[in-house]
Amino acid sequence: MARNAVARHGASIVLACRAFGVSETCYRDCPKLRAENEEIADLLVGLTDARKTWGFALCFL
C-alpha cells in the first residue's frame, strides 16, 4: 500500500510509511524467496483444486 501511495501521489517515503504504519526498512525490503514463493503458490493451487472443501486452516497446515 505504501508503495502505491508513493508512486501514485508522489508522497515521500517517510510520509507514506508513517501513514500505513510500516517502517522504512520494511518498505525497502525486497523479497528474497521469490522462486520458493511461486512453488508454494503452485502447490496451494493444486491442493485447493484437489480438496475443494478444505478451508484456509487445512491448506495452511
Protein backbone atom coordinates (compact mmCIF):
# COMPACT_ATOMS: atom_id res chain seq x y z
CA MET A 1 0.00 0.00 0.00
CA ALA A 2 2.74 2.44 0.90
CA ARG A 3 4.47 1.80 -2.44
CA ASN A 4 1.25 2.63 -4.31
CA ALA A 5 0.86 5.89 -2.38
CA VAL A 6 4.42 6.91 -3.20
CA ALA A 7 4.06 6.05 -6.89
CA ARG A 8 0.56 7.44 -7.46
CA HIS A 9 0.55 10.54 -5.32
CA GLY A 10 4.21 11.45 -5.21
CA ALA A 11 4.21 11.22 -1.40
CA SER A 12 7.53 10.96 0.35
CA ILE A 13 8.56 7.51 1.52
CA VAL A 14 8.70 8.72 5.14
CA LEU A 15 5.16 10.13 4.97
CA ALA A 16 3.73 7.05 3.26
CA CYS A 17 5.38 4.71 5.77
CA ARG A 18 4.01 6.70 8.69
CA ALA A 19 0.52 6.77 7.15
CA PHE A 20 0.46 2.99 6.69
CA GLY A 21 2.32 2.17 9.89
CA VAL A 22 5.30 0.40 8.34
CA SER A 23 9.00 1.01 8.85
CA GLU A 24 11.16 2.33 6.04
CA THR A 25 13.19 -0.87 6.27
CA CYS A 26 10.05 -2.89 5.59
CA TYR A 27 9.18 -0.59 2.68
CA ARG A 28 12.60 -1.00 1.08
CA ASP A 29 12.91 -4.74 1.73
CA CYS A 30 12.80 -6.84 -1.43
CA PRO A 31 11.50 -10.42 -1.37
CA LYS A 32 14.39 -12.88 -1.46
CA LEU A 33 12.50 -16.16 -1.80
CA ARG A 34 10.54 -15.43 -4.97
CA ALA A 35 11.14 -18.86 -6.56
CA GLU A 36 10.18 -20.61 -3.32
CA ASN A 37 7.02 -18.48 -3.03
CA GLU A 38 5.99 -19.39 -6.59
CA GLU A 39 6.49 -23.09 -5.80
CA ILE A 40 4.37 -22.78 -2.64
CA ALA A 41 1.65 -20.92 -4.55
CA ASP A 42 1.57 -23.66 -7.22
CA LEU A 43 1.30 -26.35 -4.54
CA LEU A 44 -1.55 -24.48 -2.82
CA VAL A 45 -3.45 -24.12 -6.09
CA GLY A 46 -3.05 -27.85 -6.70
CA LEU A 47 -4.18 -28.61 -3.16
CA THR A 48 -7.29 -26.43 -3.41
CA ASP A 49 -8.15 -27.98 -6.80
CA ALA A 50 -7.90 -31.47 -5.30
CA ARG A 51 -9.67 -30.65 -1.99
CA LYS A 52 -12.37 -28.12 -2.80
CA THR A 53 -13.98 -28.40 0.65
CA TRP A 54 -10.81 -27.55 2.58
CA GLY A 55 -10.65 -24.12 4.14
CA PHE A 56 -7.64 -21.94 4.76
CA ALA A 57 -6.67 -23.63 8.03
CA LEU A 58 -6.30 -27.09 6.45
CA CYS A 59 -4.39 -25.73 3.48
CA PHE A 60 -2.11 -23.76 5.80
CA LEU A 61 -1.29 -26.87 7.80
